[in-house]
N, C-alpha and C. Protein backbone atom coordinates (compact mmCIF):
# COMPACT_ATOMS: atom_id res chain seq x y z
N TYR A 1 113.75 83.58 95.64
CA TYR A 1 113.54 85.29 96.63
C TYR A 1 114.00 86.39 95.28
N LEU A 2 113.72 86.31 94.65
CA LEU A 2 113.50 87.40 93.93
C LEU A 2 111.91 88.22 93.99
N CYS A 3 110.62 86.79 93.05
CA CYS A 3 110.29 86.74 92.96
C CYS A 3 109.16 87.28 94.44
N ASP A 4 109.36 86.23 94.89
CA ASP A 4 108.57 86.65 96.17
C ASP A 4 109.37 88.00 96.36
N ARG A 5 109.75 88.48 96.26
CA ARG A 5 110.26 89.53 97.32
C ARG A 5 109.31 90.62 96.00
N LEU A 6 109.27 90.80 94.94
CA LEU A 6 108.64 91.40 94.26
C LEU A 6 106.92 91.25 94.52
N ALA A 7 106.64 89.95 94.89
CA ALA A 7 105.63 89.57 95.24
C ALA A 7 104.67 90.23 97.16
N GLN A 8 105.72 90.98 97.48
CA GLN A 8 105.64 90.98 99.08
C GLN A 8 105.78 92.80 98.67
N ASP A 9 106.21 93.64 97.65
CA ASP A 9 106.66 94.73 97.44
C ASP A 9 106.78 95.30 95.54
N PRO A 10 106.00 94.90 95.54
CA PRO A 10 106.07 95.32 93.64
C PRO A 10 106.94 96.36 93.38
N ASP A 11 107.19 97.45 94.02
CA ASP A 11 107.84 98.93 93.70
C ASP A 11 108.68 99.01 93.84
N VAL A 12 109.42 98.41 94.18
CA VAL A 12 110.98 97.93 94.91
C VAL A 12 111.78 98.71 92.99
N TYR A 13 112.78 99.46 93.70
CA TYR A 13 113.72 99.56 92.46
C TYR A 13 114.88 98.54 92.83
N LEU A 14 115.00 98.78 91.31
CA LEU A 14 116.49 98.12 91.12
C LEU A 14 117.57 98.05 91.73
N ASP A 15 117.93 98.64 92.68
CA ASP A 15 119.05 99.27 92.78
C ASP A 15 118.78 98.74 93.94
N GLU A 16 117.32 98.96 95.02
CA GLU A 16 117.60 98.41 96.12
C GLU A 16 117.54 96.99 96.07
N LEU A 17 116.91 96.00 95.29
CA LEU A 17 117.03 94.82 95.26
C LEU A 17 118.48 94.56 94.87
N GLN A 18 119.24 95.37 94.57
CA GLN A 18 120.75 95.18 94.37
C GLN A 18 120.95 95.00 96.13
N ARG A 19 121.17 96.05 96.79
CA ARG A 19 121.94 95.78 98.46
C ARG A 19 121.02 95.22 98.94
N GLU A 20 119.56 94.71 98.31
CA GLU A 20 119.45 93.95 99.64
C GLU A 20 120.05 92.23 99.06
N LEU A 21 120.37 92.09 97.87
CA LEU A 21 120.91 90.66 97.57
C LEU A 21 122.21 90.63 97.99
N SER A 22 122.85 91.99 98.41
CA SER A 22 124.57 92.17 98.81
C SER A 22 124.75 91.72 100.50
N ASN A 23 123.49 92.40 100.74
CA ASN A 23 123.31 92.23 102.47
C ASN A 23 122.68 90.87 102.66
N ALA A 24 121.87 90.47 102.39
CA ALA A 24 121.13 89.17 103.05
C ALA A 24 122.05 87.99 102.33
N ALA A 25 122.74 87.92 101.61
CA ALA A 25 123.30 86.58 100.58
C ALA A 25 124.56 86.85 100.49
N GLY A 26 125.26 88.18 100.36
CA GLY A 26 126.68 87.93 100.49
C GLY A 26 126.96 88.01 98.73
N ILE A 27 125.53 88.60 97.55
CA ILE A 27 125.76 88.35 96.32
C ILE A 27 125.70 89.90 95.60
N ASP A 28 127.05 90.10 95.46
CA ASP A 28 127.42 91.60 94.89
C ASP A 28 127.58 91.29 93.33
N VAL A 29 126.31 92.17 93.10
CA VAL A 29 126.39 92.31 91.55
C VAL A 29 125.58 93.13 90.89
N HIS A 30 126.02 93.82 89.54
CA HIS A 30 125.28 95.09 88.76
C HIS A 30 123.57 94.94 88.67
N ILE A 31 123.05 96.10 88.77
CA ILE A 31 121.62 96.44 88.47
C ILE A 31 121.20 95.95 87.05
N SER A 32 122.22 95.84 86.07
CA SER A 32 121.58 95.48 84.67
C SER A 32 121.69 93.46 84.89
N THR A 33 122.75 92.96 86.38
CA THR A 33 122.26 91.48 86.23
C THR A 33 121.34 91.52 86.85
N VAL A 34 120.74 92.14 87.91
CA VAL A 34 119.70 92.21 88.31
C VAL A 34 118.44 92.23 87.34
N TRP A 35 118.20 93.01 86.78
CA TRP A 35 117.06 92.81 85.23
C TRP A 35 117.44 91.94 84.71
N ARG A 36 118.20 91.72 84.36
CA ARG A 36 118.23 90.44 82.77
C ARG A 36 117.72 89.18 84.30
N ALA A 37 117.86 88.84 85.30
CA ALA A 37 117.97 87.90 85.72
C ALA A 37 116.10 88.28 85.98
N LEU A 38 115.42 89.12 86.58
CA LEU A 38 113.99 89.67 86.45
C LEU A 38 113.62 88.92 85.06
N GLN A 39 114.49 89.44 84.06
CA GLN A 39 113.74 88.91 82.34
C GLN A 39 113.20 87.29 82.14
N ARG A 40 115.13 87.06 82.82
CA ARG A 40 114.20 85.23 82.58
C ARG A 40 113.61 84.77 83.46
N LEU A 41 112.78 85.49 84.32
CA LEU A 41 111.70 84.59 85.89
C LEU A 41 110.60 85.44 84.88
N GLY A 42 110.95 86.27 83.69
CA GLY A 42 109.62 85.96 82.45
C GLY A 42 108.73 87.76 83.92
N VAL A 43 109.56 88.73 84.57
CA VAL A 43 109.27 89.80 85.36
C VAL A 43 109.16 91.29 84.30
N THR A 44 107.82 91.50 83.90
CA THR A 44 108.51 92.91 83.48
C THR A 44 107.94 93.94 84.53
N ARG A 45 108.14 95.24 83.87
CA ARG A 45 107.91 96.48 84.30
C ARG A 45 106.31 97.43 83.87
N LYS A 46 105.81 97.99 85.04
CA LYS A 46 104.03 98.43 84.56
C LYS A 46 104.01 99.08 85.26
N ILE A 47 102.38 100.03 84.92
CA ILE A 47 101.97 100.80 85.54
C ILE A 47 101.77 100.06 86.84
N LEU A 48 101.25 100.33 87.92
CA LEU A 48 101.83 100.14 89.03
C LEU A 48 100.05 100.97 89.21
N ASP A 49 99.05 99.71 89.66
CA ASP A 49 97.61 99.53 90.45
C ASP A 49 97.83 99.51 91.15
N GLN A 50 97.35 101.06 92.18
CA GLN A 50 97.53 100.88 94.06
C GLN A 50 95.87 100.62 94.12
N ARG A 51 95.68 99.66 94.96
CA ARG A 51 94.11 100.43 95.45
C ARG A 51 94.06 100.28 96.79
N ALA A 52 92.81 101.28 97.49
CA ALA A 52 93.10 101.77 98.07
C ALA A 52 92.38 100.49 99.36
N MET A 53 93.26 100.86 100.84
CA MET A 53 93.05 99.77 102.02
C MET A 53 91.50 100.02 102.29
N GLU A 54 91.57 101.04 102.14
CA GLU A 54 90.44 101.20 103.03
C GLU A 54 88.89 101.20 102.02
N ARG A 55 88.69 100.81 100.82
CA ARG A 55 87.89 100.25 99.88
C ARG A 55 87.16 98.74 99.97
N ASN A 56 86.14 98.93 100.19
CA ASN A 56 84.68 98.59 101.02
C ASN A 56 84.31 97.66 99.19
N ASP A 57 84.04 96.46 99.33
CA ASP A 57 83.84 96.33 97.57
C ASP A 57 81.73 95.78 97.52
N GLU A 58 81.92 95.54 98.92
CA GLU A 58 80.51 95.72 99.06
C GLU A 58 79.83 96.94 98.67
N GLU A 59 80.27 97.94 99.47
CA GLU A 59 80.03 99.06 99.44
C GLU A 59 80.26 100.27 98.13
N ARG A 60 80.51 99.83 96.96
CA ARG A 60 81.48 99.83 95.81
C ARG A 60 80.07 99.31 94.91
N ALA A 61 79.80 97.91 95.07
CA ALA A 61 78.49 97.32 93.92
C ALA A 61 77.21 98.08 94.57
N GLU A 62 77.00 98.06 96.18
CA GLU A 62 76.06 98.87 96.39
C GLU A 62 76.07 100.12 95.67
N PHE A 63 76.93 100.81 95.62
CA PHE A 63 77.04 102.00 94.87
C PHE A 63 76.11 101.69 93.86
N ARG A 64 77.07 101.61 92.64
CA ARG A 64 76.70 100.81 91.44
C ARG A 64 75.21 99.89 91.10
N ARG A 65 74.57 99.73 92.04
CA ARG A 65 73.55 99.45 92.01
C ARG A 65 72.46 100.47 92.20
N ALA A 66 72.48 100.63 93.24
CA ALA A 66 72.12 102.29 93.07
C ALA A 66 72.28 103.32 92.22
N ILE A 67 72.91 103.96 91.22
CA ILE A 67 73.68 104.90 90.68
C ILE A 67 72.29 104.15 89.46
N ARG A 68 72.31 102.83 89.10
CA ARG A 68 71.84 102.81 87.65
C ARG A 68 70.39 103.22 87.80
N ALA A 69 69.55 103.66 88.94
CA ALA A 69 68.60 104.51 88.76
C ALA A 69 68.26 105.42 88.42
N PHE A 70 69.45 106.56 88.13
CA PHE A 70 69.11 107.94 87.47
C PHE A 70 69.48 107.59 86.31
N ARG A 71 68.84 108.74 85.63
CA ARG A 71 69.35 109.04 84.17
C ARG A 71 70.77 109.62 83.63
N PRO A 72 71.94 109.38 83.48
CA PRO A 72 72.57 110.47 83.50
C PRO A 72 72.70 111.78 83.15
N SER A 73 71.58 112.36 82.30
CA SER A 73 71.70 114.17 82.66
C SER A 73 71.04 114.46 84.73
N GLN A 74 70.64 113.07 85.31
CA GLN A 74 70.17 113.80 87.12
C GLN A 74 71.97 113.18 87.35
N VAL A 75 73.29 113.23 87.12
CA VAL A 75 74.11 112.66 87.36
C VAL A 75 75.64 113.96 87.67
N VAL A 76 75.46 114.83 88.39
CA VAL A 76 76.44 115.60 88.88
C VAL A 76 77.78 114.97 89.10
N VAL A 77 78.55 115.57 88.29
CA VAL A 77 79.89 115.31 88.35
C VAL A 77 81.20 115.47 88.66
N ILE A 78 82.15 115.29 89.87
CA ILE A 78 82.43 116.48 90.28
C ILE A 78 84.18 116.55 90.00
N ASP A 79 84.63 117.46 89.33
CA ASP A 79 86.09 117.13 88.57
C ASP A 79 86.98 117.95 89.90
N GLU A 80 87.99 117.05 89.92
CA GLU A 80 88.82 117.88 91.54
C GLU A 80 90.71 117.38 90.91
N THR A 81 90.83 118.17 91.16
CA THR A 81 92.79 118.87 91.03
C THR A 81 92.84 118.05 92.10
N ALA A 82 93.83 117.86 93.09
CA ALA A 82 94.32 117.90 94.20
C ALA A 82 96.12 117.63 94.65
N ILE A 83 96.66 118.33 95.39
CA ILE A 83 98.02 117.59 96.13
C ILE A 83 98.07 117.00 97.51
N ASN A 84 98.55 116.31 97.53
CA ASN A 84 98.34 115.41 99.35
C ASN A 84 99.65 114.22 98.94
N ARG A 85 99.89 113.64 100.09
CA ARG A 85 101.32 113.55 99.91
C ARG A 85 100.77 111.28 99.24
N ARG A 86 100.03 111.33 98.82
CA ARG A 86 99.92 109.91 98.40
C ARG A 86 100.24 110.64 96.61
N MET A 87 101.05 111.56 96.70
CA MET A 87 101.35 111.91 95.27
C MET A 87 103.05 111.02 95.24
N THR A 88 103.89 110.67 96.85
CA THR A 88 104.75 110.70 96.89
C THR A 88 104.96 109.02 96.15
N TYR A 89 103.83 108.25 95.97
CA TYR A 89 103.95 106.67 96.18
C TYR A 89 104.42 106.38 94.66
N ARG A 90 105.08 105.78 94.36
CA ARG A 90 105.87 105.03 93.10
C ARG A 90 104.58 104.63 92.00
N ASN A 91 105.17 105.34 90.94
CA ASN A 91 103.40 104.67 89.85
C ASN A 91 103.94 103.71 89.13
N ARG A 92 104.89 103.04 89.65
CA ARG A 92 105.29 102.03 89.08
C ARG A 92 106.10 100.61 89.55
N GLY A 93 106.19 99.65 89.00
CA GLY A 93 106.05 98.04 89.75
C GLY A 93 106.41 96.84 89.05
N TYR A 94 107.07 96.02 89.54
CA TYR A 94 106.83 94.65 88.62
C TYR A 94 105.97 93.84 89.07
N SER A 95 106.26 93.05 87.94
CA SER A 95 105.21 91.54 88.13
C SER A 95 105.90 90.55 87.05
N LEU A 96 104.87 89.63 87.19
CA LEU A 96 105.33 88.21 86.05
C LEU A 96 104.42 89.01 84.61
N SER A 97 105.01 88.60 83.73
CA SER A 97 104.09 88.20 82.64
C SER A 97 103.34 87.74 82.50
N GLY A 98 102.30 89.10 82.29
CA GLY A 98 100.30 88.15 82.19
C GLY A 98 99.71 88.67 83.15
N ASN A 99 100.65 89.18 84.59
CA ASN A 99 100.02 89.59 85.56
C ASN A 99 100.18 91.05 85.68
N ARG A 100 99.42 91.31 86.36
CA ARG A 100 99.19 93.13 86.88
C ARG A 100 100.06 93.31 87.80
N ALA A 101 100.17 94.42 88.34
CA ALA A 101 101.23 94.69 89.22
C ALA A 101 100.40 95.93 89.99
N PHE A 102 100.26 95.45 91.43
CA PHE A 102 99.66 96.24 92.48
C PHE A 102 100.10 96.45 93.96
N LYS A 103 99.86 97.11 94.75
CA LYS A 103 99.86 97.36 96.19
C LYS A 103 98.99 98.11 96.61
N ARG A 104 98.61 97.55 98.08
CA ARG A 104 97.56 98.47 98.71
C ARG A 104 98.66 99.01 99.24
N ALA A 105 97.77 100.10 99.52
CA ALA A 105 98.02 101.62 99.61
C ALA A 105 97.06 101.81 100.75
N PHE A 106 97.11 102.72 101.49
CA PHE A 106 96.90 103.51 102.47
C PHE A 106 95.95 104.98 101.64
N PHE A 107 95.13 105.59 101.21
CA PHE A 107 94.26 106.49 100.74
C PHE A 107 93.80 107.27 101.43
N VAL A 108 93.76 106.96 102.83
CA VAL A 108 93.66 108.39 103.73
C VAL A 108 94.65 109.19 103.50
N ARG A 109 94.24 110.78 102.87
CA ARG A 109 94.87 111.44 102.42
C ARG A 109 95.35 111.85 103.14
N GLY A 110 94.93 112.91 104.53
CA GLY A 110 95.87 114.27 105.76
C GLY A 110 95.53 115.16 105.72
N LYS A 111 96.82 116.31 105.01
CA LYS A 111 95.93 117.39 104.39
C LYS A 111 96.38 117.05 103.16
N ARG A 112 95.31 118.80 102.52
CA ARG A 112 95.13 117.96 100.78
C ARG A 112 94.54 119.55 100.78
N TYR A 113 95.09 120.09 99.50
CA TYR A 113 94.57 121.10 99.14
C TYR A 113 94.02 120.79 97.57
N ALA A 114 92.67 121.46 97.37
CA ALA A 114 92.21 121.13 96.76
C ALA A 114 91.24 122.22 95.48
N ASN A 115 90.85 122.37 94.50
CA ASN A 115 90.69 123.71 93.55
C ASN A 115 89.02 122.17 92.76
N GLU A 116 88.60 122.63 93.13
CA GLU A 116 87.06 121.10 93.00
C GLU A 116 86.29 122.67 91.37
N SER A 117 85.81 122.10 90.78
CA SER A 117 84.45 122.39 89.78
C SER A 117 83.62 121.39 89.91
N LEU A 118 82.18 121.33 89.84
CA LEU A 118 81.18 120.99 88.88
C LEU A 118 80.25 121.02 87.66
N HIS A 119 80.85 120.01 86.93
CA HIS A 119 80.55 119.78 85.32
C HIS A 119 79.32 119.21 85.35
C-alpha cells in the first residue's frame, strides 16, 4: 500500500500516511513507525523534481536545436524573480532509493508579481 501511495503522490506527509492507514485499514501506528516501514521498503526522502504538465518535449528539443545556431555572445538571458501560487507546492517527496521523486504539476501561474532584469 505504501509504495503504491507514494508512486501516486510522492509529496504526501508522514502524518497524512498515518491518518490514511488509520482510516482505510483501521491500523493505528505512530508516525515513526510509518517512517521505519518506508525505510525498510527502501524509500528515501529527497528533493522533489516538479515537472510541468504543460511541458512539450518536442518543442523543448526543437528549441535546443535552434539555439545551437547562435554564439553565446548573441544570446540575451533574462533573470527573473517572481512570486506566485506555485510557491506553495511541496519541495520534498519520497521514492524508492535510486529513483527520482517527481510529481507532475500545473505550472500555469495565474496572478504573478515579477521583478525582471536583462544580463
